[in-house]
Protein backbone atom coordinates (compact mmCIF):
# COMPACT_ATOMS: atom_id res chain seq x y z
CA MET A 1 -131.58 -12.79 32.40
CA LYS A 2 -134.79 -11.35 30.99
CA LYS A 3 -136.84 -13.92 32.90
CA THR A 4 -135.05 -12.95 36.11
CA ILE A 5 -135.84 -9.27 35.58
CA VAL A 6 -139.53 -10.05 34.99
CA MET A 7 -139.73 -12.17 38.12
CA PHE A 8 -137.98 -9.45 40.16
CA GLY A 9 -140.47 -6.87 38.86
CA MET A 10 -143.40 -9.11 39.82
CA MET A 11 -141.98 -9.61 43.34
CA LEU A 12 -141.39 -5.86 43.74
CA GLY A 13 -144.94 -5.12 42.62
CA LEU A 14 -146.32 -7.67 45.07
CA MET A 15 -144.29 -6.14 47.93
CA CYS A 16 -145.54 -2.65 47.05
CA TYR A 17 -149.12 -3.92 46.95
CA THR A 18 -148.67 -5.54 50.37
CA ILE A 19 -147.21 -2.36 51.88
CA VAL A 20 -149.95 -0.14 50.44
CA PHE A 21 -152.61 -2.58 51.64
CA ALA A 22 -151.08 -2.78 55.11
CA GLN A 23 -150.79 0.98 55.47
CA LYS A 24 -154.24 1.84 54.10
CA PRO A 25 -156.15 3.52 56.92
CA ALA A 26 -159.41 1.99 58.15
CA VAL A 27 -162.44 4.26 58.13
CA VAL A 28 -165.18 3.53 60.65
CA SER A 29 -168.33 5.32 59.54
CA SER A 30 -170.80 3.93 62.10
CA ASN A 31 -171.16 4.81 65.74
CA ASP A 32 -173.73 2.09 66.46
CA ALA A 33 -173.27 -0.17 69.46
CA GLY A 34 -171.66 -3.60 68.92
CA TRP A 35 -168.55 -5.10 67.32
CA GLN A 36 -167.39 -3.36 64.17
CA HIS A 37 -164.69 -4.32 61.70
CA ILE A 38 -162.03 -1.62 61.76
CA GLY A 39 -159.46 -2.88 59.24
CA GLN A 40 -156.93 -5.55 58.46
CA THR A 41 -153.32 -6.17 57.44
CA THR A 42 -151.13 -9.09 56.42
CA ALA A 43 -148.40 -10.58 58.60
CA SER A 44 -145.89 -11.95 56.13
CA PHE A 45 -142.43 -11.89 57.76
CA ALA A 46 -140.72 -13.90 60.48
CA THR A 47 -140.60 -10.98 62.91
CA GLN A 48 -142.55 -7.81 62.22
CA ASN A 49 -144.49 -4.90 63.58
CA GLU A 50 -147.70 -4.03 61.77
CA SER A 51 -150.22 -1.27 62.39
CA ILE A 52 -153.72 -0.32 61.30
CA LYS A 53 -154.55 3.39 61.20
CA VAL A 54 -158.06 4.31 62.31
CA LEU A 55 -160.18 7.19 60.99
CA GLY A 56 -163.79 8.27 61.45
CA ALA A 57 -165.90 7.11 64.40
CA ASP A 58 -162.82 5.92 66.25
CA GLU A 59 -163.81 5.58 69.90
CA PHE A 60 -164.06 2.02 71.23
CA THR A 61 -164.65 0.35 74.57
CA ALA A 62 -162.67 -2.78 73.64
CA ILE A 63 -160.79 -4.34 70.71
CA ARG A 64 -159.80 -7.83 69.52
CA LEU A 65 -157.78 -9.33 66.68
CA LYS A 66 -158.87 -12.21 64.44
CA VAL A 67 -156.27 -14.28 62.56
CA THR A 68 -157.02 -16.18 59.33
CA GLU A 69 -155.08 -18.20 56.73
CA ALA A 70 -152.25 -19.20 59.12
CA PRO A 71 -151.51 -19.32 62.87
CA LEU A 72 -149.72 -16.38 64.42
CA HIS A 73 -148.03 -15.68 67.75
CA ILE A 74 -148.93 -12.13 68.90
CA ASP A 75 -146.65 -10.68 71.54
CA ARG A 76 -148.19 -7.31 72.31
CA LEU A 77 -150.56 -4.57 71.15
CA GLN A 78 -150.04 -0.83 71.24
CA VAL A 79 -153.01 1.53 71.05
CA PHE A 80 -152.05 5.07 70.05
CA TYR A 81 -154.61 7.75 70.92
CA GLU A 82 -154.96 11.07 69.14
CA SER A 83 -154.45 12.76 72.51
CA GLY A 84 -150.81 11.60 72.34
CA GLU A 85 -151.08 8.79 74.89
CA MET A 86 -150.17 5.18 74.20
CA GLU A 87 -151.64 2.10 75.87
CA GLU A 88 -149.57 -1.09 75.76
CA ILE A 89 -151.19 -4.51 76.18
CA ASN A 90 -149.28 -7.77 76.56
CA VAL A 91 -150.96 -10.57 74.59
CA ARG A 92 -148.31 -13.31 74.34
CA SER A 93 -150.71 -15.79 72.82
CA GLU A 94 -150.58 -18.32 70.02
CA ILE A 95 -153.58 -17.61 67.79
CA ASN A 96 -154.62 -20.47 65.51
CA ALA A 97 -155.94 -19.86 61.99
CA ASN A 98 -159.50 -18.52 62.28
CA GLY A 99 -158.80 -17.85 65.97
CA GLU A 100 -159.09 -14.63 67.97
CA THR A 101 -157.36 -12.87 70.81
CA ARG A 102 -159.18 -12.28 74.05
CA VAL A 103 -161.39 -9.21 74.28
CA ILE A 104 -159.12 -6.35 75.35
CA THR A 105 -160.84 -3.61 77.35
CA LEU A 106 -159.35 -0.17 76.71
CA LYS A 107 -158.47 2.27 79.47
CA HIS A 108 -159.73 5.28 77.51
CA PRO A 109 -163.00 4.38 75.74
CA ASP A 110 -163.82 8.08 75.30
CA ARG A 111 -160.67 8.96 73.36
CA ASP A 112 -160.09 8.80 69.63
CA ILE A 113 -157.75 6.05 68.44
CA ASN A 114 -155.12 7.07 65.92
CA LYS A 115 -153.79 3.57 65.17
CA VAL A 116 -153.37 0.09 66.61
CA ALA A 117 -149.95 -1.60 66.24
CA PHE A 118 -149.04 -5.18 67.08
CA THR A 119 -145.82 -7.14 67.35
CA TYR A 120 -145.92 -10.74 66.18
CA ARG A 121 -143.89 -13.73 65.05
CA THR A 122 -145.05 -16.52 62.80
CA SER A 123 -145.92 -19.81 64.41
CA LYS A 124 -143.61 -22.80 63.94
CA ASN A 125 -146.55 -24.63 62.41
CA SER A 126 -147.32 -21.98 59.83
CA LYS A 127 -144.93 -23.42 57.19
CA GLY A 128 -144.35 -20.02 55.65
CA GLU A 129 -148.01 -19.12 55.06
CA LYS A 130 -149.08 -15.50 55.42
CA ALA A 131 -151.58 -14.69 58.15
CA ASP A 132 -154.30 -12.09 57.66
CA VAL A 133 -155.04 -10.08 60.79
CA SER A 134 -158.34 -8.23 61.22
CA LEU A 135 -159.01 -5.63 63.89
CA TYR A 136 -162.44 -5.30 65.50
CA GLY A 137 -163.68 -2.63 67.91
CA LEU A 138 -166.58 -2.67 70.37
CA LYS A 139 -168.84 0.33 70.67
CA THR A 140 -171.24 0.80 73.57
CA ASN A 141 -173.46 3.70 72.54
CA GLN A 142 -170.78 6.36 72.94
CA PRO A 143 -172.15 9.75 71.86
CA ALA A 144 -170.42 10.86 68.68
CA GLY A 145 -167.61 13.35 69.19
CA LYS A 146 -167.61 13.04 72.97
CA ASP A 147 -163.83 13.51 73.26
CA SER A 148 -163.80 14.11 77.00
CA TYR A 149 -160.00 14.33 77.00
CA ARG A 150 -160.25 17.47 74.93
CA ASP A 151 -162.59 18.90 77.54
CA GLU A 152 -160.05 17.92 80.20
CA LYS A 153 -157.26 19.63 78.28
CA ARG A 154 -159.40 22.74 77.88
CA GLU A 155 -160.23 22.73 81.59
CA ILE A 156 -156.54 22.30 82.49
CA LYS A 157 -155.65 25.18 80.18
CA GLU A 158 -158.35 27.38 81.69
CA ASP A 159 -157.26 26.46 85.23
CA ALA A 160 -153.66 27.31 84.36
CA LYS A 161 -154.76 30.65 82.92
CA GLU A 162 -156.80 31.45 86.05
CA ALA A 163 -153.86 30.48 88.26
CA GLU A 164 -151.57 32.74 86.23
CA GLU A 165 -154.03 35.63 86.54
CA ASP A 166 -154.32 35.01 90.31
CA VAL A 167 -150.52 35.11 90.67
CA LYS A 168 -150.37 38.29 88.60
CA ARG A 169 -153.14 39.86 90.66
CA GLU A 170 -151.48 38.92 93.95
CA THR A 171 -148.11 40.20 92.69
CA ASN A 172 -149.67 43.56 91.78
CA GLU A 173 -151.37 43.75 95.18
CA VAL A 174 -148.10 43.01 96.99
CA ALA A 175 -146.26 45.62 94.88
CA THR A 176 -148.97 48.19 95.67
CA ASP A 177 -148.79 47.41 99.38
CA VAL A 178 -144.98 47.66 99.38
CA LYS A 179 -145.13 50.96 97.52
CA ARG A 180 -147.73 52.36 99.92
CA GLU A 181 -145.80 51.18 102.99
CA SER A 182 -142.55 52.62 101.59
CA LYS A 183 -144.25 55.96 101.00
CA GLU A 184 -145.71 55.96 104.51
CA ALA A 185 -142.31 55.04 105.99
CA ALA A 186 -140.64 57.87 104.02
CA GLU A 187 -143.24 60.33 105.25
CA ASP A 188 -142.72 59.15 108.84
CA VAL A 189 -138.95 59.64 108.52
CA LYS A 190 -139.50 63.06 107.02
CA ARG A 191 -141.85 64.02 109.83
CA GLU A 192 -139.41 62.75 112.47
CA ALA A 193 -136.51 64.57 110.82
CA GLN A 194 -138.53 67.76 110.64
CA SER A 195 -139.57 67.36 114.26
CA ALA A 196 -135.96 66.78 115.29
CA GLY A 197 -134.86 69.78 113.27
CA ASP A 198 -137.54 71.90 114.85
CA LYS A 199 -136.38 70.81 118.29
CA VAL A 200 -132.75 71.65 117.43
CA SER A 201 -133.78 75.06 116.13
CA GLU A 202 -135.83 75.65 119.24
CA GLY A 203 -132.84 74.66 121.42
CA VAL A 204 -130.47 76.92 119.51
CA ASN A 205 -132.95 79.80 119.58
CA ASP A 206 -133.57 79.31 123.26
CA ALA A 207 -129.84 79.27 123.97
CA ALA A 208 -129.30 82.36 121.83
CA ALA A 209 -132.15 84.18 123.53
CA ALA A 210 -130.57 83.53 126.92
CA ILE A 211 -127.24 85.04 125.86
CA LYS A 212 -126.57 88.52 127.25
CA ASP A 213 -123.07 88.82 125.72
CA GLN A 214 -122.21 91.07 122.86
CA LYS A 215 -122.83 89.68 119.32
CA VAL A 216 -119.89 90.12 116.96
CA LYS A 217 -121.42 91.85 113.93
CA ASP A 218 -118.68 91.62 111.27
CA LYS A 219 -117.32 88.14 112.11
CA VAL A 220 -118.65 84.56 112.07
CA GLY A 221 -117.42 81.22 113.36
CA PRO A 222 -115.57 78.50 111.34
CA GLY A 223 -118.88 77.14 110.10
CA ASN A 224 -120.47 80.57 109.60
CA GLU A 225 -122.01 80.46 113.08
CA THR A 226 -123.10 83.63 114.90
CA VAL A 227 -120.25 84.61 117.24
CA TYR A 228 -120.46 86.21 120.68
CA LEU A 229 -117.87 87.96 122.88
CA ASP A 230 -118.16 87.52 126.66
CA ASP A 231 -117.02 89.84 129.43
CA ASN A 232 -113.70 88.01 129.65
CA GLY A 233 -112.88 88.75 125.98
CA LYS A 234 -113.50 85.18 124.80
CA TYR A 235 -115.26 84.33 121.55
CA TYR A 236 -117.83 81.53 121.28
CA TYR A 237 -120.88 80.28 119.33
CA ILE A 238 -123.87 78.03 120.11
CA ASN A 239 -123.93 74.63 118.34
CA ASN A 240 -127.02 72.68 117.19
CA GLU A 241 -127.35 71.04 120.57
CA GLY A 242 -127.56 74.45 122.24
CA ASN A 243 -124.11 74.13 123.77
CA LYS A 244 -121.53 76.91 124.07
CA VAL A 245 -118.37 76.32 121.98
CA ASN A 246 -115.34 78.51 122.62
CA ILE A 247 -113.13 79.48 119.66
CA MET A 248 -109.92 81.44 119.14
CA LYS A 249 -109.90 84.86 117.57
CA ALA A 250 -107.83 83.41 114.74
CA GLN A 251 -110.74 81.10 113.87
CA LEU A 252 -113.06 83.99 113.14
CA LYS A 253 -114.01 84.68 109.54
CA ASP A 254 -115.21 87.86 107.97
CA LYS A 255 -118.97 87.95 107.66
CA ARG A 256 -120.18 88.20 104.08
CA ASN A 257 -122.97 90.65 103.57
CA LYS A 258 -125.90 89.20 101.62
């Protein structure tokens, strides 16, 4: 029982060591042109996904994997960029021990790589051996810290801000134009109404001036109109259109003195 516990502890420690080793990020300190070793991990299970995190001078034109200790069948690679994009590459190749994948040209050589992941399965001829996988990256004199995608993002953000300001400006201009046109229309209506009112007043005044009949001093019409009495003893008033409107005596109202 004691021996079993010791062996279990040793296995657990070995697994922890393997996990820590596999997850340890690779730091690339040089930006010189040429192939550079980025990092490595161990492929130790029948079917597994492994990844190598990349820090430092992490812009590469191309990458490749080298397999040692045992053959390995690599299905695909996934390159995760710090910009949030992911590039997937189908490999589907049997890599012998001490063999390499083809050189894989990256679509975004000017963007920082966050990590490279690969999906694999052990070869039928591996007989349970563990394969060590090393990742290499090719640099081609990229200027340090180029990060053109960040410039693109900044330009997109600036363009969006300018577009927003243009829309706001145009909206304010339209609102100003509508307000000005509404004011002008209101003034036109007011002028027309005043002109119409003036014409009505002129018509009423003209009609009143032409009347020779007696004006009833102490009475007014139903709507407080000035009332006249003709030679035939009929009462009437002049409406807004300048027309004569006959009324009955019973319709007369006492005139209120102001």
